[in-house]
Amino acid sequence: KAMQVAPTDISVLVTGESGVGKESIPKIIHSLSHRKHGK
């Protein structure tokens, strides 16, 4: 789902318990989007 939504500018909410690795999803989304050269 993160890979599919990455090329768009849609807002994404990542849910899950503490410690499941939620911080990896926004990194995937940013790196696969057209904003990857931005901050």
PDB file of all heavy atoms in Angstrom:
ATOM      1  N   LYS A   1       0.830  -1.203   0.000  1.00  0.00           N
ATOM      2  CA  LYS A   1       0.000   0.000   0.000  1.00  0.00           C
ATOM      3  C   LYS A   1       0.869   1.259   0.000  1.00  0.00           C
ATOM      4  O   LYS A   1       0.568   2.243  -0.684  1.00  0.00           O
ATOM      5  CB  LYS A   1      -0.929   0.006   1.216  1.00  0.00           C
ATOM      6  CG  LYS A   1      -2.076  -0.979   1.116  1.00  0.00           C
ATOM      7  CD  LYS A   1      -2.933  -0.976   2.379  1.00  0.00           C
ATOM      8  CE  LYS A   1      -3.718   0.298   2.514  1.00  0.00           C
ATOM      9  NZ  LYS A   1      -4.656   0.257   3.665  1.00  0.00           N
ATOM     10  N   ALA A   2       1.965   1.224   0.773  1.00  0.00           N
ATOM     11  CA  ALA A   2       2.881   2.367   0.802  1.00  0.00           C
ATOM     12  C   ALA A   2       3.506   2.603  -0.569  1.00  0.00           C
ATOM     13  O   ALA A   2       3.642   3.752  -1.014  1.00  0.00           O
ATOM     14  CB  ALA A   2       3.959   2.136   1.855  1.00  0.00           C
ATOM     15  N   MET A   3       3.865   1.524  -1.270  1.00  0.00           N
ATOM     16  CA  MET A   3       4.471   1.656  -2.600  1.00  0.00           C
ATOM     17  C   MET A   3       3.446   2.182  -3.618  1.00  0.00           C
ATOM     18  O   MET A   3       3.793   2.982  -4.500  1.00  0.00           O
ATOM     19  CB  MET A   3       5.013   0.295  -3.048  1.00  0.00           C
ATOM     20  CG  MET A   3       6.181  -0.204  -2.193  1.00  0.00           C
ATOM     21  SD  MET A   3       6.610  -1.930  -2.517  1.00  0.00           S
ATOM     22  CE  MET A   3       7.082  -1.851  -4.250  1.00  0.00           C
ATOM     23  N   GLN A   4       2.204   1.775  -3.485  1.00  0.00           N
ATOM     24  CA  GLN A   4       1.171   2.213  -4.425  1.00  0.00           C
ATOM     25  C   GLN A   4       0.805   3.679  -4.243  1.00  0.00           C
ATOM     26  O   GLN A   4       0.533   4.391  -5.208  1.00  0.00           O
ATOM     27  CB  GLN A   4      -0.077   1.343  -4.260  1.00  0.00           C
ATOM     28  CG  GLN A   4       0.110  -0.093  -4.741  1.00  0.00           C
ATOM     29  CD  GLN A   4      -1.090  -0.963  -4.398  1.00  0.00           C
ATOM     30  OE1 GLN A   4      -1.992  -0.526  -3.692  1.00  0.00           O
ATOM     31  NE2 GLN A   4      -1.103  -2.184  -4.903  1.00  0.00           N
ATOM     32  N   VAL A   5       0.781   4.145  -2.993  1.00  0.00           N
ATOM     33  CA  VAL A   5       0.348   5.508  -2.725  1.00  0.00           C
ATOM     34  C   VAL A   5       1.494   6.506  -2.848  1.00  0.00           C
ATOM     35  O   VAL A   5       1.261   7.715  -2.924  1.00  0.00           O
ATOM     36  CB  VAL A   5      -0.297   5.588  -1.319  1.00  0.00           C
ATOM     37  CG1 VAL A   5       0.764   5.569  -0.223  1.00  0.00           C
ATOM     38  CG2 VAL A   5      -1.187   6.808  -1.188  1.00  0.00           C
ATOM     39  N   ALA A   6       2.739   6.033  -2.889  1.00  0.00           N
ATOM     40  CA  ALA A   6       3.912   6.911  -2.902  1.00  0.00           C
ATOM     41  C   ALA A   6       3.914   7.928  -4.049  1.00  0.00           C
ATOM     42  O   ALA A   6       4.227   9.104  -3.811  1.00  0.00           O
ATOM     43  CB  ALA A   6       5.188   6.069  -2.928  1.00  0.00           C
ATOM     44  N   PRO A   7       3.586   7.564  -5.282  1.00  0.00           N
ATOM     45  CA  PRO A   7       3.665   8.549  -6.375  1.00  0.00           C
ATOM     46  C   PRO A   7       2.647   9.677  -6.283  1.00  0.00           C
ATOM     47  O   PRO A   7       2.754  10.664  -7.017  1.00  0.00           O
ATOM     48  CB  PRO A   7       3.405   7.686  -7.632  1.00  0.00           C
ATOM     49  CG  PRO A   7       3.704   6.288  -7.216  1.00  0.00           C
ATOM     50  CD  PRO A   7       3.299   6.208  -5.792  1.00  0.00           C
ATOM     51  N   THR A   8       1.656   9.570  -5.414  1.00  0.00           N
ATOM     52  CA  THR A   8       0.632  10.608  -5.275  1.00  0.00           C
ATOM     53  C   THR A   8       1.010  11.569  -4.142  1.00  0.00           C
ATOM     54  O   THR A   8       2.024  11.397  -3.470  1.00  0.00           O
ATOM     55  CB  THR A   8      -0.734   9.973  -4.979  1.00  0.00           C
ATOM     56  OG1 THR A   8      -0.725   9.416  -3.656  1.00  0.00           O
ATOM     57  CG2 THR A   8      -1.044   8.879  -5.978  1.00  0.00           C
ATOM     58  N   ASP A   9       0.152  12.571  -3.928  1.00  0.00           N
ATOM     59  CA  ASP A   9       0.342  13.509  -2.815  1.00  0.00           C
ATOM     60  C   ASP A   9      -0.706  13.306  -1.721  1.00  0.00           C
ATOM     61  O   ASP A   9      -0.952  14.193  -0.899  1.00  0.00           O
ATOM     62  CB  ASP A   9       0.275  14.953  -3.323  1.00  0.00           C
ATOM     63  CG  ASP A   9       1.578  15.393  -3.973  1.00  0.00           C
ATOM     64  OD1 ASP A   9       2.620  14.793  -3.637  1.00  0.00           O
ATOM     65  OD2 ASP A   9       1.552  16.302  -4.822  1.00  0.00           O
ATOM     66  N   ILE A  10      -1.327  12.128  -1.715  1.00  0.00           N
ATOM     67  CA  ILE A  10      -2.373  11.834  -0.733  1.00  0.00           C
ATOM     68  C   ILE A  10      -1.771  11.741   0.661  1.00  0.00           C
ATOM     69  O   ILE A  10      -0.697  11.166   0.863  1.00  0.00           O
ATOM     70  CB  ILE A  10      -3.095  10.520  -1.095  1.00  0.00           C
ATOM     71  CG1 ILE A  10      -3.779  10.657  -2.452  1.00  0.00           C
ATOM     72  CG2 ILE A  10      -4.106  10.144  -0.030  1.00  0.00           C
ATOM     73  CD1 ILE A  10      -4.421   9.373  -2.932  1.00  0.00           C
ATOM     74  N   SER A  11      -2.492  12.290   1.639  1.00  0.00           N
ATOM     75  CA  SER A  11      -2.073  12.165   3.038  1.00  0.00           C
ATOM     76  C   SER A  11      -2.265  10.728   3.505  1.00  0.00           C
ATOM     77  O   SER A  11      -3.239  10.065   3.150  1.00  0.00           O
ATOM     78  CB  SER A  11      -2.886  13.113   3.931  1.00  0.00           C
ATOM     79  OG  SER A  11      -2.685  14.453   3.541  1.00  0.00           O
ATOM     80  N   VAL A  12      -1.329  10.271   4.333  1.00  0.00           N
ATOM     81  CA  VAL A  12      -1.341   8.881   4.786  1.00  0.00           C
ATOM     82  C   VAL A  12      -1.270   8.856   6.310  1.00  0.00           C
ATOM     83  O   VAL A  12      -0.506   9.617   6.921  1.00  0.00           O
ATOM     84  CB  VAL A  12      -0.156   8.086   4.194  1.00  0.00           C
ATOM     85  CG1 VAL A  12      -0.164   6.647   4.720  1.00  0.00           C
ATOM     86  CG2 VAL A  12      -0.213   8.107   2.674  1.00  0.00           C
ATOM     87  N   LEU A  13      -2.059   7.992   6.917  1.00  0.00           N
ATOM     88  CA  LEU A  13      -2.009   7.775   8.360  1.00  0.00           C
ATOM     89  C   LEU A  13      -1.567   6.347   8.620  1.00  0.00           C
ATOM     90  O   LEU A  13      -2.215   5.393   8.179  1.00  0.00           O
ATOM     91  CB  LEU A  13      -3.379   8.021   8.996  1.00  0.00           C
ATOM     92  CG  LEU A  13      -3.462   7.794  10.516  1.00  0.00           C
ATOM     93  CD1 LEU A  13      -2.568   8.791  11.253  1.00  0.00           C
ATOM     94  CD2 LEU A  13      -4.899   7.918  11.010  1.00  0.00           C
ATOM     95  N   VAL A  14      -0.463   6.189   9.335  1.00  0.00           N
ATOM     96  CA  VAL A  14       0.079   4.873   9.670  1.00  0.00           C
ATOM     97  C   VAL A  14      -0.328   4.553  11.099  1.00  0.00           C
ATOM     98  O   VAL A  14      -0.045   5.325  12.021  1.00  0.00           O
ATOM     99  CB  VAL A  14       1.611   4.848   9.536  1.00  0.00           C
ATOM    100  CG1 VAL A  14       2.145   3.435   9.772  1.00  0.00           C
ATOM    101  CG2 VAL A  14       2.044   5.365   8.167  1.00  0.00           C
ATOM    102  N   THR A  15      -0.984   3.427  11.298  1.00  0.00           N
ATOM    103  CA  THR A  15      -1.438   3.031  12.632  1.00  0.00           C
ATOM    104  C   THR A  15      -0.790   1.718  13.040  1.00  0.00           C
ATOM    105  O   THR A  15      -0.350   0.938  12.200  1.00  0.00           O
ATOM    106  CB  THR A  15      -2.972   2.882  12.666  1.00  0.00           C
ATOM    107  OG1 THR A  15      -3.367   1.874  11.724  1.00  0.00           O
ATOM    108  CG2 THR A  15      -3.653   4.190  12.318  1.00  0.00           C
ATOM    109  N   GLY A  16      -0.755   1.487  14.331  1.00  0.00           N
ATOM    110  CA  GLY A  16      -0.165   0.263  14.858  1.00  0.00           C
ATOM    111  C   GLY A  16       0.370   0.511  16.252  1.00  0.00           C
ATOM    112  O   GLY A  16       0.545   1.658  16.691  1.00  0.00           O
ATOM    113  N   GLU A  17       0.637  -0.560  16.970  1.00  0.00           N
ATOM    114  CA  GLU A  17       1.132  -0.442  18.333  1.00  0.00           C
ATOM    115  C   GLU A  17       2.543   0.123  18.357  1.00  0.00           C
ATOM    116  O   GLU A  17       3.252   0.141  17.348  1.00  0.00           O
ATOM    117  CB  GLU A  17       1.101  -1.819  19.018  1.00  0.00           C
ATOM    118  CG  GLU A  17      -0.285  -2.395  19.177  1.00  0.00           C
ATOM    119  CD  GLU A  17      -0.268  -3.757  19.851  1.00  0.00           C
ATOM    120  OE1 GLU A  17       0.824  -4.185  20.275  1.00  0.00           O
ATOM    121  OE2 GLU A  17      -1.333  -4.384  19.946  1.00  0.00           O
ATOM    122  N   SER A  18       2.943   0.570  19.525  1.00  0.00           N
ATOM    123  CA  SER A  18       4.289   1.101  19.687  1.00  0.00           C
ATOM    124  C   SER A  18       5.314  -0.008  19.473  1.00  0.00           C
ATOM    125  O   SER A  18       5.180  -1.105  20.008  1.00  0.00           O
ATOM    126  CB  SER A  18       4.452   1.688  21.100  1.00  0.00           C
ATOM    127  OG  SER A  18       5.754   2.164  21.301  1.00  0.00           O
ATOM    128  N   GLY A  19       6.346   0.295  18.686  1.00  0.00           N
ATOM    129  CA  GLY A  19       7.425  -0.658  18.471  1.00  0.00           C
ATOM    130  C   GLY A  19       7.265  -1.559  17.270  1.00  0.00           C
ATOM    131  O   GLY A  19       8.073  -2.482  17.084  1.00  0.00           O
ATOM    132  N   VAL A  20       6.261  -1.333  16.407  1.00  0.00           N
ATOM    133  CA  VAL A  20       6.059  -2.216  15.247  1.00  0.00           C
ATOM    134  C   VAL A  20       6.831  -1.741  14.018  1.00  0.00           C
ATOM    135  O   VAL A  20       6.850  -2.414  12.992  1.00  0.00           O
ATOM    136  CB  VAL A  20       4.555  -2.339  14.890  1.00  0.00           C
ATOM    137  CG1 VAL A  20       3.795  -3.024  16.013  1.00  0.00           C
ATOM    138  CG2 VAL A  20       3.946  -0.974  14.577  1.00  0.00           C
ATOM    139  N   GLY A  21       7.467  -0.568  14.103  1.00  0.00           N
ATOM    140  CA  GLY A  21       8.246  -0.081  12.974  1.00  0.00           C
ATOM    141  C   GLY A  21       7.487   0.849  12.047  1.00  0.00           C
ATOM    142  O   GLY A  21       7.707   0.827  10.832  1.00  0.00           O
ATOM    143  N   LYS A  22       6.621   1.704  12.602  1.00  0.00           N
ATOM    144  CA  LYS A  22       5.814   2.609  11.762  1.00  0.00           C
ATOM    145  C   LYS A  22       6.673   3.627  11.025  1.00  0.00           C
ATOM    146  O   LYS A  22       6.275   4.143   9.986  1.00  0.00           O
ATOM    147  CB  LYS A  22       4.777   3.322  12.640  1.00  0.00           C
ATOM    148  CG  LYS A  22       3.743   2.417  13.273  1.00  0.00           C
ATOM    149  CD  LYS A  22       2.658   3.187  13.970  1.00  0.00           C
ATOM    150  CE  LYS A  22       3.158   3.919  15.193  1.00  0.00           C
ATOM    151  NZ  LYS A  22       3.588   3.003  16.270  1.00  0.00           N
ATOM    152  N   GLU A  23       7.874   3.926  11.555  1.00  0.00           N
ATOM    153  CA  GLU A  23       8.722   4.936  10.918  1.00  0.00           C
ATOM    154  C   GLU A  23       9.260   4.503   9.565  1.00  0.00           C
ATOM    155  O   GLU A  23       9.740   5.342   8.777  1.00  0.00           O
ATOM    156  CB  GLU A  23       9.892   5.300  11.842  1.00  0.00           C
ATOM    157  CG  GLU A  23      10.862   4.180  12.133  1.00  0.00           C
ATOM    158  CD  GLU A  23      10.389   3.227  13.230  1.00  0.00           C
ATOM    159  OE1 GLU A  23       9.306   3.486  13.814  1.00  0.00           O
ATOM    160  OE2 GLU A  23      11.088   2.240  13.487  1.00  0.00           O
ATOM    161  N   SER A  24       9.178   3.220   9.230  1.00  0.00           N
ATOM    162  CA  SER A  24       9.672   2.753   7.931  1.00  0.00           C
ATOM    163  C   SER A  24       8.725   3.124   6.792  1.00  0.00           C
ATOM    164  O   SER A  24       9.176   3.353   5.654  1.00  0.00           O
ATOM    165  CB  SER A  24       9.863   1.229   7.959  1.00  0.00           C
ATOM    166  OG  SER A  24      10.825   0.862   8.929  1.00  0.00           O
ATOM    167  N   ILE A  25       7.442   3.176   7.061  1.00  0.00           N
ATOM    168  CA  ILE A  25       6.455   3.453   6.007  1.00  0.00           C
ATOM    169  C   ILE A  25       6.632   4.844   5.391  1.00  0.00           C
ATOM    170  O   ILE A  25       6.664   4.983   4.161  1.00  0.00           O
ATOM    171  CB  ILE A  25       5.025   3.252   6.556  1.00  0.00           C
ATOM    172  CG1 ILE A  25       4.838   1.800   7.026  1.00  0.00           C
ATOM    173  CG2 ILE A  25       3.997   3.609   5.502  1.00  0.00           C
ATOM    174  CD1 ILE A  25       5.008   0.764   5.948  1.00  0.00           C
ATOM    175  N   PRO A  26       6.736   5.935   6.186  1.00  0.00           N
ATOM    176  CA  PRO A  26       6.930   7.248   5.551  1.00  0.00           C
ATOM    177  C   PRO A  26       8.237   7.352   4.761  1.00  0.00           C
ATOM    178  O   PRO A  26       8.300   8.074   3.758  1.00  0.00           O
ATOM    179  CB  PRO A  26       6.900   8.229   6.734  1.00  0.00           C
ATOM    180  CG  PRO A  26       7.120   7.403   7.936  1.00  0.00           C
ATOM    181  CD  PRO A  26       6.565   6.057   7.645  1.00  0.00           C
ATOM    182  N   LYS A  27       9.262   6.623   5.190  1.00  0.00           N
ATOM    183  CA  LYS A  27      10.520   6.629   4.436  1.00  0.00           C
ATOM    184  C   LYS A  27      10.320   5.983   3.057  1.00  0.00           C
ATOM    185  O   LYS A  27      10.842   6.476   2.051  1.00  0.00           O
ATOM    186  CB  LYS A  27      11.603   5.891   5.209  1.00  0.00           C
ATOM    187  CG  LYS A  27      12.057   6.609   6.476  1.00  0.00           C
ATOM    188  CD  LYS A  27      13.119   5.807   7.199  1.00  0.00           C
ATOM    189  CE  LYS A  27      13.568   6.512   8.478  1.00  0.00           C
ATOM    190  NZ  LYS A  27      14.584   5.706   9.200  1.00  0.00           N
ATOM    191  N   ILE A  28       9.571   4.901   3.029  1.00  0.00           N
ATOM    192  CA  ILE A  28       9.274   4.243   1.746  1.00  0.00           C
ATOM    193  C   ILE A  28       8.475   5.185   0.851  1.00  0.00           C
ATOM    194  O   ILE A  28       8.767   5.351  -0.340  1.00  0.00           O
ATOM    195  CB  ILE A  28       8.495   2.931   1.988  1.00  0.00           C
ATOM    196  CG1 ILE A  28       9.369   1.914   2.718  1.00  0.00           C
ATOM    197  CG2 ILE A  28       7.986   2.347   0.678  1.00  0.00           C
ATOM    198  CD1 ILE A  28       8.631   0.647   3.127  1.00  0.00           C
ATOM    199  N   ILE A  29       7.456   5.825   1.432  1.00  0.00           N
ATOM    200  CA  ILE A  29       6.601   6.724   0.654  1.00  0.00           C
ATOM    201  C   ILE A  29       7.413   7.889   0.083  1.00  0.00           C
ATOM    202  O   ILE A  29       7.284   8.245  -1.094  1.00  0.00           O
ATOM    203  CB  ILE A  29       5.440   7.239   1.528  1.00  0.00           C
ATOM    204  CG1 ILE A  29       4.490   6.082   1.881  1.00  0.00           C
ATOM    205  CG2 ILE A  29       4.673   8.355   0.825  1.00  0.00           C
ATOM    206  CD1 ILE A  29       3.402   6.448   2.854  1.00  0.00           C
ATOM    207  N   HIS A  30       8.267   8.484   0.902  1.00  0.00           N
ATOM    208  CA  HIS A  30       9.051   9.630   0.434  1.00  0.00           C
ATOM    209  C   HIS A  30      10.047   9.230  -0.654  1.00  0.00           C
ATOM    210  O   HIS A  30      10.186   9.921  -1.676  1.00  0.00           O
ATOM    211  CB  HIS A  30       9.790  10.263   1.607  1.00  0.00           C
ATOM    212  CG  HIS A  30      10.702  11.387   1.216  1.00  0.00           C
ATOM    213  ND1 HIS A  30      10.240  12.610   0.794  1.00  0.00           N
ATOM    214  CD2 HIS A  30      12.073  11.454   1.162  1.00  0.00           C
ATOM    215  CE1 HIS A  30      11.267  13.390   0.509  1.00  0.00           C
ATOM    216  NE2 HIS A  30      12.387  12.717   0.718  1.00  0.00           N
ATOM    217  N   SER A  31      10.728   8.117  -0.447  1.00  0.00           N
ATOM    218  CA  SER A  31      11.784   7.718  -1.391  1.00  0.00           C
ATOM    219  C   SER A  31      11.224   7.282  -2.744  1.00  0.00           C
ATOM    220  O   SER A  31      11.927   7.360  -3.757  1.00  0.00           O
ATOM    221  CB  SER A  31      12.615   6.577  -0.795  1.00  0.00           C
ATOM    222  OG  SER A  31      11.812   5.427  -0.611  1.00  0.00           O
ATOM    223  N   LEU A  32       9.981   6.831  -2.795  1.00  0.00           N
ATOM    224  CA  LEU A  32       9.380   6.384  -4.050  1.00  0.00           C
ATOM    225  C   LEU A  32       8.480   7.445  -4.675  1.00  0.00           C
ATOM    226  O   LEU A  32       7.814   7.171  -5.676  1.00  0.00           O
ATOM    227  CB  LEU A  32       8.574   5.100  -3.810  1.00  0.00           C
ATOM    228  CG  LEU A  32       9.372   3.890  -3.316  1.00  0.00           C
ATOM    229  CD1 LEU A  32       8.449   2.685  -3.134  1.00  0.00           C
ATOM    230  CD2 LEU A  32      10.514   3.550  -4.262  1.00  0.00           C
ATOM    231  N   SER A  33       8.452   8.653  -4.104  1.00  0.00           N
ATOM    232  CA  SER A  33       7.599   9.719  -4.636  1.00  0.00           C
ATOM    233  C   SER A  33       8.421  10.698  -5.464  1.00  0.00           C
ATOM    234  O   SER A  33       9.655  10.639  -5.498  1.00  0.00           O
ATOM    235  CB  SER A  33       6.931  10.467  -3.472  1.00  0.00           C
ATOM    236  OG  SER A  33       7.889  11.230  -2.755  1.00  0.00           O
ATOM    237  N   HIS A  34       7.728  11.636  -6.105  1.00  0.00           N
ATOM    238  CA  HIS A  34       8.433  12.649  -6.889  1.00  0.00           C
ATOM    239  C   HIS A  34       9.072  13.707  -5.991  1.00  0.00           C
ATOM    240  O   HIS A  34       9.781  14.594  -6.473  1.00  0.00           O
ATOM    241  CB  HIS A  34       7.458  13.322  -7.870  1.00  0.00           C
ATOM    242  CG  HIS A  34       6.317  14.024  -7.191  1.00  0.00           C
ATOM    243  ND1 HIS A  34       6.422  15.320  -6.742  1.00  0.00           N
ATOM    244  CD2 HIS A  34       5.060  13.607  -6.884  1.00  0.00           C
ATOM    245  CE1 HIS A  34       5.273  15.684  -6.180  1.00  0.00           C
ATOM    246  NE2 HIS A  34       4.430  14.653  -6.274  1.00  0.00           N
ATOM    247  N   ARG A  35       8.841  13.605  -4.692  1.00  0.00           N
ATOM    248  CA  ARG A  35       9.440  14.523  -3.732  1.00  0.00           C
ATOM    249  C   ARG A  35      10.750  13.971  -3.149  1.00  0.00           C
ATOM    250  O   ARG A  35      11.276  14.531  -2.185  1.00  0.00           O
ATOM    251  CB  ARG A  35       8.463  14.800  -2.582  1.00  0.00           C
ATOM    252  CG  ARG A  35       7.163  15.449  -3.007  1.00  0.00           C
ATOM    253  CD  ARG A  35       6.204  15.557  -1.809  1.00  0.00           C
ATOM    254  NE  ARG A  35       4.940  16.168  -2.195  1.00  0.00           N
ATOM    255  CZ  ARG A  35       4.683  17.472  -2.118  1.00  0.00           C
ATOM    256  NH1 ARG A  35       5.620  18.303  -1.684  1.00  0.00           N
ATOM    257  NH2 ARG A  35       3.506  17.945  -2.481  1.00  0.00           N
ATOM    258  N   LYS A  36      11.262  12.884  -3.675  1.00  0.00           N
ATOM    259  CA  LYS A  36      12.410  12.217  -3.075  1.00  0.00           C
ATOM    260  C   LYS A  36      13.654  13.100  -3.019  1.00  0.00           C
ATOM    261  O   LYS A  36      14.561  12.860  -2.212  1.00  0.00           O
ATOM    262  CB  LYS A  36      12.711  10.922  -3.815  1.00  0.00           C
ATOM    263  CG  LYS A  36      13.049  11.109  -5.284  1.00  0.00           C
ATOM    264  CD  LYS A  36      13.237   9.756  -5.954  1.00  0.00           C
ATOM    265  CE  LYS A  36      13.504   9.926  -7.458  1.00  0.00           C
ATOM    266  NZ  LYS A  36      13.631   8.609  -8.128  1.00  0.00           N
ATOM    267  N   HIS A  37      13.732  14.114  -3.866  1.00  0.00           N
ATOM    268  CA  HIS A  37      14.882  15.011  -3.828  1.00  0.00           C
ATOM    269  C   HIS A  37      14.656  16.188  -2.880  1.00  0.00           C
ATOM    270  O   HIS A  37      15.573  16.980  -2.662  1.00  0.00           O
ATOM    271  CB  HIS A  37      15.171  15.546  -5.236  1.00  0.00           C
ATOM    272  CG  HIS A  37      15.513  14.466  -6.211  1.00  0.00           C
ATOM    273  ND1 HIS A  37      16.625  13.655  -6.076  1.00  0.00           N
ATOM    274  CD2 HIS A  37      14.879  14.048  -7.344  1.00  0.00           C
ATOM    275  CE1 HIS A  37      16.665  12.795  -7.073  1.00  0.00           C
ATOM    276  NE2 HIS A  37      15.610  13.006  -7.863  1.00  0.00           N
ATOM    277  N   GLY A  38      13.426  16.284  -2.354  1.00  0.00           N
ATOM    278  CA  GLY A  38      13.142  17.317  -1.353  1.00  0.00           C
ATOM    279  C   GLY A  38      13.497  16.829   0.041  1.00  0.00           C
ATOM    280  O   GLY A  38      13.975  15.706   0.247  1.00  0.00           O
ATOM    281  N   LYS A  39      13.253  17.686   1.031  1.00  0.00           N
ATOM    282  CA  LYS A  39      13.597  17.335   2.409  1.00  0.00           C
ATOM    283  C   LYS A  39      12.582  16.351   2.992  1.00  0.00           C
ATOM    284  O   LYS A  39      11.393  16.388   2.678  1.00  0.00           O
ATOM    285  CB  LYS A  39      13.640  18.596   3.276  1.00  0.00           C
ATOM    286  CG  LYS A  39      14.877  19.455   3.048  1.00  0.00           C
ATOM    287  CD  LYS A  39      14.928  20.574   4.079  1.00  0.00           C
ATOM    288  CE  LYS A  39      16.187  21.410   3.907  1.00  0.00           C
ATOM    289  NZ  LYS A  39      16.269  22.500   4.913  1.00  0.00           N
TER     290      LYS A  39
END
